[in-house]
Amino acid sequence: MDSNQTNNSQRDQQMWEIAQRRVSFKNHLAVYIVVNLFLWATWYFYSDNKAGYWPIYSTLGWGVGLVFHYLGAYVFPKENSVEREYEKMMRNKK
């Protein structure tokens, strides 16, 4: 296998990993929306006094995790801490 095929294979692997991260984020977003709609609907229809917006805690808390998932999938998709650490160790080894 020549170096050009190796480079293409590595790029294909990276693109596959990025695609997996993006699909994972989209699935996460869909679940977030469905669950939070259910929580807010439950609060709206079954709370007597409409005071105490308890679904806000799950919406905001889970939303923070969703933002980090988005960043990993779209903003910093090539960031791989394990790969970076391995390369750092290999450079220091020489």
C-alpha atoms as a PDB file:
ATOM      1  CA  MET A   1       0.000   0.000   0.000  1.00  0.00           C
ATOM      2  CA  ASP A   2       1.523   3.315  -0.991  1.00  0.00           C
ATOM      3  CA  SER A   3       1.492   6.453   1.159  1.00  0.00           C
ATOM      4  CA  ASN A   4      -1.293   8.066  -0.909  1.00  0.00           C
ATOM      5  CA  GLN A   5      -3.668   5.169  -0.175  1.00  0.00           C
ATOM      6  CA  THR A   6      -2.689   5.285   3.491  1.00  0.00           C
ATOM      7  CA  ASN A   7      -3.451   9.015   3.658  1.00  0.00           C
ATOM      8  CA  ASN A   8      -6.812   8.491   1.927  1.00  0.00           C
ATOM      9  CA  SER A   9      -7.640   5.671   4.327  1.00  0.00           C
ATOM     10  CA  GLN A  10      -6.792   7.856   7.336  1.00  0.00           C
ATOM     11  CA  ARG A  11      -8.875  10.727   5.970  1.00  0.00           C
ATOM     12  CA  ASP A  12     -11.777   8.362   5.313  1.00  0.00           C
ATOM     13  CA  GLN A  13     -11.508   7.078   8.888  1.00  0.00           C
ATOM     14  CA  GLN A  14     -11.517  10.638  10.245  1.00  0.00           C
ATOM     15  CA  MET A  15     -14.543  11.552   8.128  1.00  0.00           C
ATOM     16  CA  TRP A  16     -16.324   8.406   9.338  1.00  0.00           C
ATOM     17  CA  GLU A  17     -15.662   9.380  12.964  1.00  0.00           C
ATOM     18  CA  ILE A  18     -16.895  12.935  12.360  1.00  0.00           C
ATOM     19  CA  ALA A  19     -20.033  11.578  10.676  1.00  0.00           C
ATOM     20  CA  GLN A  20     -20.645   9.287  13.662  1.00  0.00           C
ATOM     21  CA  ARG A  21     -20.299  12.216  16.083  1.00  0.00           C
ATOM     22  CA  ARG A  22     -22.747  14.315  14.082  1.00  0.00           C
ATOM     23  CA  VAL A  23     -25.347  11.553  13.849  1.00  0.00           C
ATOM     24  CA  SER A  24     -24.937  10.917  17.565  1.00  0.00           C
ATOM     25  CA  PHE A  25     -25.543  14.614  18.255  1.00  0.00           C
ATOM     26  CA  LYS A  26     -28.670  14.660  16.077  1.00  0.00           C
ATOM     27  CA  ASN A  27     -30.053  11.632  17.933  1.00  0.00           C
ATOM     28  CA  HIS A  28     -29.208  13.288  21.253  1.00  0.00           C
ATOM     29  CA  LEU A  29     -30.998  16.472  20.162  1.00  0.00           C
ATOM     30  CA  ALA A  30     -34.112  14.549  19.115  1.00  0.00           C
ATOM     31  CA  VAL A  31     -34.289  12.746  22.461  1.00  0.00           C
ATOM     32  CA  TYR A  32     -33.699  16.046  24.298  1.00  0.00           C
ATOM     33  CA  ILE A  33     -36.597  17.698  22.478  1.00  0.00           C
ATOM     34  CA  VAL A  34     -39.034  14.816  22.965  1.00  0.00           C
ATOM     35  CA  VAL A  35     -38.259  14.309  26.647  1.00  0.00           C
ATOM     36  CA  ASN A  36     -38.336  18.015  27.462  1.00  0.00           C
ATOM     37  CA  LEU A  37     -41.615  18.503  25.600  1.00  0.00           C
ATOM     38  CA  PHE A  38     -43.051  15.674  27.676  1.00  0.00           C
ATOM     39  CA  LEU A  39     -41.748  17.200  30.930  1.00  0.00           C
ATOM     40  CA  TRP A  40     -43.071  20.662  30.108  1.00  0.00           C
ATOM     41  CA  ALA A  41     -46.438  19.269  28.998  1.00  0.00           C
ATOM     42  CA  THR A  42     -46.657  17.261  32.214  1.00  0.00           C
ATOM     43  CA  TRP A  43     -45.889  20.373  34.226  1.00  0.00           C
ATOM     44  CA  TYR A  44     -48.401  22.471  32.291  1.00  0.00           C
ATOM     45  CA  PHE A  45     -51.300  20.060  32.439  1.00  0.00           C
ATOM     46  CA  TYR A  46     -50.801  18.582  35.913  1.00  0.00           C
ATOM     47  CA  SER A  47     -49.444  21.425  38.057  1.00  0.00           C
ATOM     48  CA  ASP A  48     -52.146  23.094  40.073  1.00  0.00           C
ATOM     49  CA  ASN A  49     -50.641  26.495  40.670  1.00  0.00           C
ATOM     50  CA  LYS A  50     -48.160  26.702  37.755  1.00  0.00           C
ATOM     51  CA  ALA A  51     -45.630  27.991  40.276  1.00  0.00           C
ATOM     52  CA  GLY A  52     -42.267  26.386  40.546  1.00  0.00           C
ATOM     53  CA  TYR A  53     -41.057  25.759  37.051  1.00  0.00           C
ATOM     54  CA  TRP A  54     -39.437  22.432  37.887  1.00  0.00           C
ATOM     55  CA  PRO A  55     -38.801  21.306  34.263  1.00  0.00           C
ATOM     56  CA  ILE A  56     -36.348  24.186  33.877  1.00  0.00           C
ATOM     57  CA  TYR A  57     -33.738  22.219  35.843  1.00  0.00           C
ATOM     58  CA  SER A  58     -33.679  19.304  33.429  1.00  0.00           C
ATOM     59  CA  THR A  59     -33.949  21.567  30.388  1.00  0.00           C
ATOM     60  CA  LEU A  60     -31.001  23.744  31.415  1.00  0.00           C
ATOM     61  CA  GLY A  61     -28.879  20.969  32.918  1.00  0.00           C
ATOM     62  CA  TRP A  62     -29.290  18.641  29.979  1.00  0.00           C
ATOM     63  CA  GLY A  63     -28.950  21.616  27.630  1.00  0.00           C
ATOM     64  CA  VAL A  64     -25.423  22.249  28.899  1.00  0.00           C
ATOM     65  CA  GLY A  65     -24.487  18.679  28.001  1.00  0.00           C
ATOM     66  CA  LEU A  66     -26.131  19.105  24.621  1.00  0.00           C
ATOM     67  CA  VAL A  67     -24.043  22.224  23.919  1.00  0.00           C
ATOM     68  CA  PHE A  68     -20.839  20.321  24.673  1.00  0.00           C
ATOM     69  CA  HIS A  69     -21.992  17.467  22.438  1.00  0.00           C
ATOM     70  CA  TYR A  70     -22.644  19.994  19.647  1.00  0.00           C
ATOM     71  CA  LEU A  71     -19.181  21.517  20.088  1.00  0.00           C
ATOM     72  CA  GLY A  72     -17.565  18.094  19.832  1.00  0.00           C
ATOM     73  CA  ALA A  73     -19.558  17.196  16.730  1.00  0.00           C
ATOM     74  CA  TYR A  74     -19.462  20.434  14.720  1.00  0.00           C
ATOM     75  CA  VAL A  75     -17.027  23.004  16.125  1.00  0.00           C
ATOM     76  CA  PHE A  76     -14.106  20.788  17.149  1.00  0.00           C
ATOM     77  CA  PRO A  77     -14.809  17.579  15.208  1.00  0.00           C
ATOM     78  CA  LYS A  78     -11.191  16.558  14.692  1.00  0.00           C
ATOM     79  CA  GLU A  79     -10.253  16.948  18.328  1.00  0.00           C
ATOM     80  CA  ASN A  80      -9.335  13.575  19.701  1.00  0.00           C
ATOM     81  CA  SER A  81      -7.603  13.817  23.047  1.00  0.00           C
ATOM     82  CA  VAL A  82      -6.383  10.212  22.975  1.00  0.00           C
ATOM     83  CA  GLU A  83      -4.805  10.663  19.552  1.00  0.00           C
ATOM     84  CA  ARG A  84      -3.257  13.980  20.611  1.00  0.00           C
ATOM     85  CA  GLU A  85      -1.793  12.426  23.763  1.00  0.00           C
ATOM     86  CA  TYR A  86      -0.404   9.479  21.791  1.00  0.00           C
ATOM     87  CA  GLU A  87       1.288  11.809  19.295  1.00  0.00           C
ATOM     88  CA  LYS A  88       2.721  13.869  22.151  1.00  0.00           C
ATOM     89  CA  MET A  89       4.137  10.735  23.775  1.00  0.00           C
ATOM     90  CA  MET A  90       5.664   9.600  20.478  1.00  0.00           C
ATOM     91  CA  ARG A  91       7.340  12.991  19.965  1.00  0.00           C
ATOM     92  CA  ASN A  92       8.779  12.946  23.481  1.00  0.00           C
ATOM     93  CA  LYS A  93       9.999   9.381  23.043  1.00  0.00           C
ATOM     94  CA  LYS A  94      12.404  10.338  20.247  1.00  0.00           C
END
